[in-house]
Amino acid sequence: MCVAVPARMVHVLHNSEQMASCIAVLDTGTCVMADSSFDLLMQKMRHFYAVRKNLRVESRGQRYQLVDFIVKVGSVVLGQTSSFKGVLVEVTFHYLLLLLPPFRTCIGERS
């Protein structure tokens, strides 16, 4: 006897700044980061997971860099419509690594 199991929902997110990767968020709240071929895997798992399609959220705006911080401010639109839905503010911290010249040793050196 086969029992039909309802498909679980998964949201697959693509970021235009990280084109080689995508983020999948399961209905349980679990997040998975994978490469762009994850979409092909989801097609094979369509009996277990339902991918919500045709939902496009887009944010366009400015990007500012202040030392180690990158601040992005943009307006959010949903789908193909151009109606304003909200404001998105993203702040990321990138450690700035300073490359210093190699230290000199005194071994074998004469003054």
N, C-alpha and C. Protein backbone atom coordinates (compact mmCIF):
# COMPACT_ATOMS: atom_id res chain seq x y z
N MET A 1 0.84 -1.17 0.00
CA MET A 1 0.00 0.00 0.00
C MET A 1 0.88 1.23 0.00
N CYS A 2 0.68 2.13 -0.96
CA CYS A 2 1.44 3.37 -1.07
C CYS A 2 0.67 4.49 -0.41
N VAL A 3 1.34 5.23 0.41
CA VAL A 3 0.73 6.39 1.06
C VAL A 3 1.37 7.63 0.45
N ALA A 4 0.55 8.53 -0.05
CA ALA A 4 1.07 9.76 -0.66
C ALA A 4 1.55 10.70 0.44
N VAL A 5 2.78 11.12 0.33
CA VAL A 5 3.37 12.04 1.28
C VAL A 5 3.33 13.44 0.65
N PRO A 6 2.75 14.41 1.35
CA PRO A 6 2.71 15.75 0.77
C PRO A 6 4.12 16.33 0.62
N ALA A 7 4.34 17.01 -0.49
CA ALA A 7 5.66 17.60 -0.75
C ALA A 7 5.91 18.76 0.20
N ARG A 8 7.11 18.86 0.68
CA ARG A 8 7.50 19.97 1.55
C ARG A 8 7.94 21.13 0.69
N MET A 9 7.78 22.33 1.21
CA MET A 9 8.10 23.54 0.45
C MET A 9 9.57 23.92 0.66
N VAL A 10 10.22 24.33 -0.40
CA VAL A 10 11.59 24.84 -0.34
C VAL A 10 11.66 26.10 -1.20
N HIS A 11 12.33 27.11 -0.68
CA HIS A 11 12.52 28.37 -1.39
C HIS A 11 13.97 28.42 -1.84
N VAL A 12 14.19 28.57 -3.13
CA VAL A 12 15.55 28.64 -3.68
C VAL A 12 15.82 30.09 -4.05
N LEU A 13 16.89 30.65 -3.47
CA LEU A 13 17.23 32.06 -3.67
C LEU A 13 18.53 32.17 -4.46
N HIS A 14 18.54 33.06 -5.42
CA HIS A 14 19.74 33.35 -6.21
C HIS A 14 20.13 34.80 -5.97
N ASN A 15 21.42 35.03 -5.86
CA ASN A 15 21.94 36.38 -5.64
C ASN A 15 22.79 36.76 -6.83
N SER A 16 22.52 37.93 -7.41
CA SER A 16 23.25 38.35 -8.61
C SER A 16 24.71 38.67 -8.31
N GLU A 17 25.06 38.91 -7.05
CA GLU A 17 26.46 39.17 -6.71
C GLU A 17 27.24 37.89 -6.46
N GLN A 18 26.54 36.78 -6.27
CA GLN A 18 27.18 35.47 -6.09
C GLN A 18 26.53 34.50 -7.05
N MET A 19 26.84 34.64 -8.33
CA MET A 19 26.15 33.90 -9.37
C MET A 19 26.43 32.40 -9.35
N ALA A 20 27.52 31.97 -8.78
CA ALA A 20 27.87 30.55 -8.79
C ALA A 20 27.23 29.79 -7.64
N SER A 21 26.46 30.46 -6.79
CA SER A 21 25.86 29.78 -5.65
C SER A 21 24.39 30.16 -5.51
N CYS A 22 23.68 29.35 -4.72
CA CYS A 22 22.29 29.64 -4.40
C CYS A 22 22.04 29.20 -2.97
N ILE A 23 20.98 29.73 -2.39
CA ILE A 23 20.61 29.41 -1.02
C ILE A 23 19.22 28.79 -1.05
N ALA A 24 19.06 27.67 -0.38
CA ALA A 24 17.77 27.01 -0.27
C ALA A 24 17.31 27.07 1.18
N VAL A 25 16.06 27.49 1.39
CA VAL A 25 15.48 27.57 2.72
C VAL A 25 14.31 26.60 2.76
N LEU A 26 14.42 25.59 3.62
CA LEU A 26 13.36 24.59 3.76
C LEU A 26 12.24 25.13 4.64
N ASP A 27 11.09 24.48 4.60
CA ASP A 27 9.97 24.93 5.41
C ASP A 27 10.21 24.73 6.90
N THR A 28 11.23 23.95 7.26
CA THR A 28 11.61 23.78 8.67
C THR A 28 12.51 24.89 9.17
N GLY A 29 12.97 25.76 8.25
CA GLY A 29 13.86 26.84 8.63
C GLY A 29 15.33 26.53 8.36
N THR A 30 15.63 25.34 7.91
CA THR A 30 17.00 24.95 7.61
C THR A 30 17.47 25.66 6.34
N CYS A 31 18.67 26.22 6.38
CA CYS A 31 19.25 26.91 5.22
C CYS A 31 20.41 26.08 4.66
N VAL A 32 20.46 25.99 3.35
CA VAL A 32 21.52 25.25 2.67
C VAL A 32 22.11 26.15 1.60
N MET A 33 23.43 26.25 1.56
CA MET A 33 24.10 27.01 0.51
C MET A 33 24.77 26.02 -0.42
N ALA A 34 24.48 26.13 -1.71
CA ALA A 34 25.01 25.18 -2.68
C ALA A 34 25.42 25.92 -3.94
N ASP A 35 26.02 25.17 -4.88
CA ASP A 35 26.39 25.81 -6.14
C ASP A 35 25.16 25.90 -7.04
N SER A 36 25.34 26.51 -8.19
CA SER A 36 24.19 26.79 -9.06
C SER A 36 23.55 25.54 -9.65
N SER A 37 24.22 24.39 -9.61
CA SER A 37 23.63 23.16 -10.12
C SER A 37 22.61 22.56 -9.16
N PHE A 38 22.36 23.22 -8.04
CA PHE A 38 21.36 22.77 -7.07
C PHE A 38 19.97 22.72 -7.71
N ASP A 39 19.69 23.61 -8.65
CA ASP A 39 18.40 23.61 -9.35
C ASP A 39 18.15 22.28 -10.06
N LEU A 40 19.19 21.71 -10.64
CA LEU A 40 19.05 20.41 -11.31
C LEU A 40 18.71 19.30 -10.31
N LEU A 41 19.33 19.37 -9.14
CA LEU A 41 19.03 18.40 -8.10
C LEU A 41 17.59 18.53 -7.62
N MET A 42 17.11 19.75 -7.52
CA MET A 42 15.74 19.96 -7.06
C MET A 42 14.72 19.42 -8.06
N GLN A 43 15.05 19.43 -9.34
CA GLN A 43 14.14 18.86 -10.34
C GLN A 43 13.99 17.35 -10.14
N LYS A 44 15.07 16.70 -9.73
CA LYS A 44 15.02 15.25 -9.50
C LYS A 44 14.30 14.92 -8.19
N MET A 45 14.24 15.86 -7.27
CA MET A 45 13.60 15.64 -5.97
C MET A 45 12.21 16.27 -5.90
N ARG A 46 11.60 16.52 -7.04
CA ARG A 46 10.31 17.23 -7.07
C ARG A 46 9.19 16.43 -6.42
N HIS A 47 9.37 15.13 -6.22
CA HIS A 47 8.35 14.34 -5.54
C HIS A 47 8.37 14.55 -4.03
N PHE A 48 9.51 15.01 -3.51
CA PHE A 48 9.65 15.22 -2.08
C PHE A 48 9.56 16.69 -1.69
N TYR A 49 10.05 17.56 -2.57
CA TYR A 49 10.07 19.00 -2.29
C TYR A 49 9.39 19.75 -3.43
N ALA A 50 8.55 20.70 -3.09
CA ALA A 50 7.91 21.55 -4.08
C ALA A 50 8.62 22.90 -4.09
N VAL A 51 9.15 23.28 -5.25
CA VAL A 51 9.84 24.56 -5.39
C VAL A 51 8.83 25.59 -5.84
N ARG A 52 8.76 26.69 -5.12
CA ARG A 52 7.84 27.75 -5.50
C ARG A 52 8.48 28.52 -6.63
N LYS A 53 7.78 28.58 -7.74
CA LYS A 53 8.33 29.24 -8.93
C LYS A 53 7.60 30.54 -9.21
N ASN A 54 8.18 31.29 -10.10
CA ASN A 54 7.61 32.55 -10.59
C ASN A 54 7.43 33.59 -9.50
N LEU A 55 8.17 33.49 -8.44
CA LEU A 55 8.17 34.52 -7.42
C LEU A 55 9.54 35.19 -7.48
N ARG A 56 9.53 36.44 -7.85
CA ARG A 56 10.79 37.17 -7.99
C ARG A 56 10.75 38.41 -7.10
N VAL A 57 11.70 38.47 -6.19
CA VAL A 57 11.85 39.63 -5.32
C VAL A 57 13.14 40.31 -5.73
N GLU A 58 13.07 41.57 -6.03
CA GLU A 58 14.24 42.28 -6.52
C GLU A 58 14.48 43.53 -5.70
N SER A 59 15.73 43.77 -5.39
CA SER A 59 16.12 44.97 -4.66
C SER A 59 17.16 45.72 -5.49
N ARG A 60 16.89 46.97 -5.75
CA ARG A 60 17.83 47.81 -6.50
C ARG A 60 18.16 49.03 -5.66
N GLY A 61 19.45 49.36 -5.64
CA GLY A 61 19.84 50.51 -4.85
C GLY A 61 21.33 50.76 -4.91
N GLN A 62 21.81 51.45 -3.91
CA GLN A 62 23.20 51.87 -3.85
C GLN A 62 24.00 50.95 -2.94
N ARG A 63 25.31 50.94 -3.19
CA ARG A 63 26.24 50.15 -2.38
C ARG A 63 27.34 51.09 -1.91
N TYR A 64 27.57 51.10 -0.61
CA TYR A 64 28.58 51.97 -0.01
C TYR A 64 29.58 51.12 0.74
N GLN A 65 30.85 51.55 0.74
CA GLN A 65 31.88 50.84 1.50
C GLN A 65 32.52 51.82 2.46
N LEU A 66 32.54 51.41 3.73
CA LEU A 66 33.14 52.22 4.77
C LEU A 66 34.11 51.32 5.52
N VAL A 67 35.39 51.45 5.21
CA VAL A 67 36.47 50.65 5.75
C VAL A 67 36.15 49.16 5.57
N ASP A 68 35.82 48.44 6.64
CA ASP A 68 35.57 46.99 6.56
C ASP A 68 34.10 46.65 6.34
N PHE A 69 33.23 47.64 6.27
CA PHE A 69 31.79 47.40 6.15
C PHE A 69 31.30 47.74 4.76
N ILE A 70 30.37 46.92 4.26
CA ILE A 70 29.68 47.22 3.01
C ILE A 70 28.21 47.37 3.35
N VAL A 71 27.65 48.52 3.00
CA VAL A 71 26.25 48.82 3.28
C VAL A 71 25.52 48.94 1.96
N LYS A 72 24.43 48.16 1.81
CA LYS A 72 23.61 48.21 0.61
C LYS A 72 22.21 48.67 1.01
N VAL A 73 21.71 49.68 0.33
CA VAL A 73 20.37 50.20 0.57
C VAL A 73 19.61 50.12 -0.73
N GLY A 74 18.43 49.50 -0.71
CA GLY A 74 17.68 49.36 -1.94
C GLY A 74 16.19 49.32 -1.72
N SER A 75 15.44 49.62 -2.76
CA SER A 75 13.99 49.50 -2.71
C SER A 75 13.61 48.12 -3.24
N VAL A 76 12.57 47.53 -2.66
CA VAL A 76 12.17 46.16 -2.96
C VAL A 76 10.89 46.17 -3.79
N VAL A 77 10.90 45.39 -4.88
CA VAL A 77 9.70 45.19 -5.69
C VAL A 77 9.44 43.68 -5.77
N LEU A 78 8.19 43.30 -5.91
CA LEU A 78 7.80 41.90 -5.93
C LEU A 78 7.24 41.55 -7.30
N GLY A 79 7.77 40.48 -7.90
CA GLY A 79 7.29 40.01 -9.19
C GLY A 79 7.63 40.96 -10.33
N GLN A 80 6.83 40.90 -11.38
CA GLN A 80 7.07 41.73 -12.56
C GLN A 80 6.52 43.13 -12.40
N THR A 81 5.72 43.36 -11.37
CA THR A 81 5.17 44.69 -11.15
C THR A 81 6.26 45.60 -10.61
N SER A 82 6.07 46.85 -10.77
CA SER A 82 7.06 47.81 -10.28
C SER A 82 6.55 48.54 -9.05
N SER A 83 5.61 47.94 -8.34
CA SER A 83 5.08 48.59 -7.15
C SER A 83 6.05 48.42 -5.98
N PHE A 84 6.24 49.49 -5.26
CA PHE A 84 7.18 49.55 -4.14
C PHE A 84 6.63 48.74 -2.97
N LYS A 85 7.46 47.84 -2.41
CA LYS A 85 7.05 47.00 -1.29
C LYS A 85 7.78 47.32 0.01
N GLY A 86 8.98 47.88 -0.06
CA GLY A 86 9.71 48.17 1.17
C GLY A 86 11.14 48.57 0.88
N VAL A 87 11.91 48.72 1.95
CA VAL A 87 13.32 49.12 1.87
C VAL A 87 14.16 47.99 2.46
N LEU A 88 15.23 47.65 1.79
CA LEU A 88 16.14 46.62 2.25
C LEU A 88 17.48 47.27 2.59
N VAL A 89 17.97 47.01 3.80
CA VAL A 89 19.28 47.50 4.22
C VAL A 89 20.10 46.28 4.60
N GLU A 90 21.23 46.10 3.93
CA GLU A 90 22.12 44.96 4.19
C GLU A 90 23.48 45.50 4.60
N VAL A 91 23.98 45.03 5.72
CA VAL A 91 25.29 45.44 6.21
C VAL A 91 26.13 44.18 6.35
N THR A 92 27.27 44.15 5.68
CA THR A 92 28.18 43.01 5.79
C THR A 92 29.55 43.50 6.24
N PHE A 93 30.23 42.66 6.99
CA PHE A 93 31.55 42.97 7.49
C PHE A 93 32.56 42.09 6.76
N HIS A 94 33.53 42.72 6.15
CA HIS A 94 34.62 42.00 5.48
C HIS A 94 35.92 42.43 6.14
N TYR A 95 36.59 41.45 6.74
CA TYR A 95 37.85 41.73 7.42
C TYR A 95 38.87 42.19 6.41
N LEU A 96 39.44 43.34 6.64
CA LEU A 96 40.45 43.90 5.74
C LEU A 96 41.81 43.39 6.18
N LEU A 97 42.43 42.58 5.34
CA LEU A 97 43.72 42.00 5.66
C LEU A 97 44.81 42.83 5.02
N LEU A 98 45.70 43.32 5.83
CA LEU A 98 46.82 44.10 5.32
C LEU A 98 48.01 43.18 5.09
N LEU A 99 48.54 43.20 3.91
CA LEU A 99 49.71 42.38 3.60
C LEU A 99 50.96 43.19 3.88
N LEU A 100 51.73 42.70 4.83
CA LEU A 100 52.95 43.39 5.24
C LEU A 100 54.15 42.70 4.60
N PRO A 101 55.23 43.45 4.36
CA PRO A 101 56.44 42.80 3.82
C PRO A 101 56.99 41.81 4.85
N PRO A 102 57.66 40.76 4.40
CA PRO A 102 58.19 39.76 5.35
C PRO A 102 59.23 40.39 6.27
N PHE A 103 59.23 39.91 7.51
CA PHE A 103 60.20 40.43 8.48
C PHE A 103 61.60 39.90 8.16
N ARG A 104 62.58 40.74 8.39
CA ARG A 104 63.97 40.34 8.16
C ARG A 104 64.52 39.73 9.43
N THR A 105 65.32 38.72 9.26
CA THR A 105 65.96 38.11 10.42
C THR A 105 67.42 38.54 10.47
N CYS A 106 67.95 38.48 11.65
CA CYS A 106 69.34 38.91 11.84
C CYS A 106 70.32 37.76 11.72
N ILE A 107 69.85 36.56 11.49
CA ILE A 107 70.72 35.39 11.41
C ILE A 107 71.55 35.47 10.14
N GLY A 108 72.83 35.40 10.27
CA GLY A 108 73.71 35.39 9.13
C GLY A 108 73.98 36.78 8.54
N GLU A 109 73.42 37.82 9.12
CA GLU A 109 73.67 39.17 8.60
C GLU A 109 74.77 39.82 9.43
N ARG A 110 75.59 40.57 8.75
CA ARG A 110 76.66 41.31 9.44
C ARG A 110 76.42 42.80 9.24
N SER A 111 76.71 43.54 10.30
CA SER A 111 76.52 44.98 10.21
C SER A 111 77.70 45.66 9.61
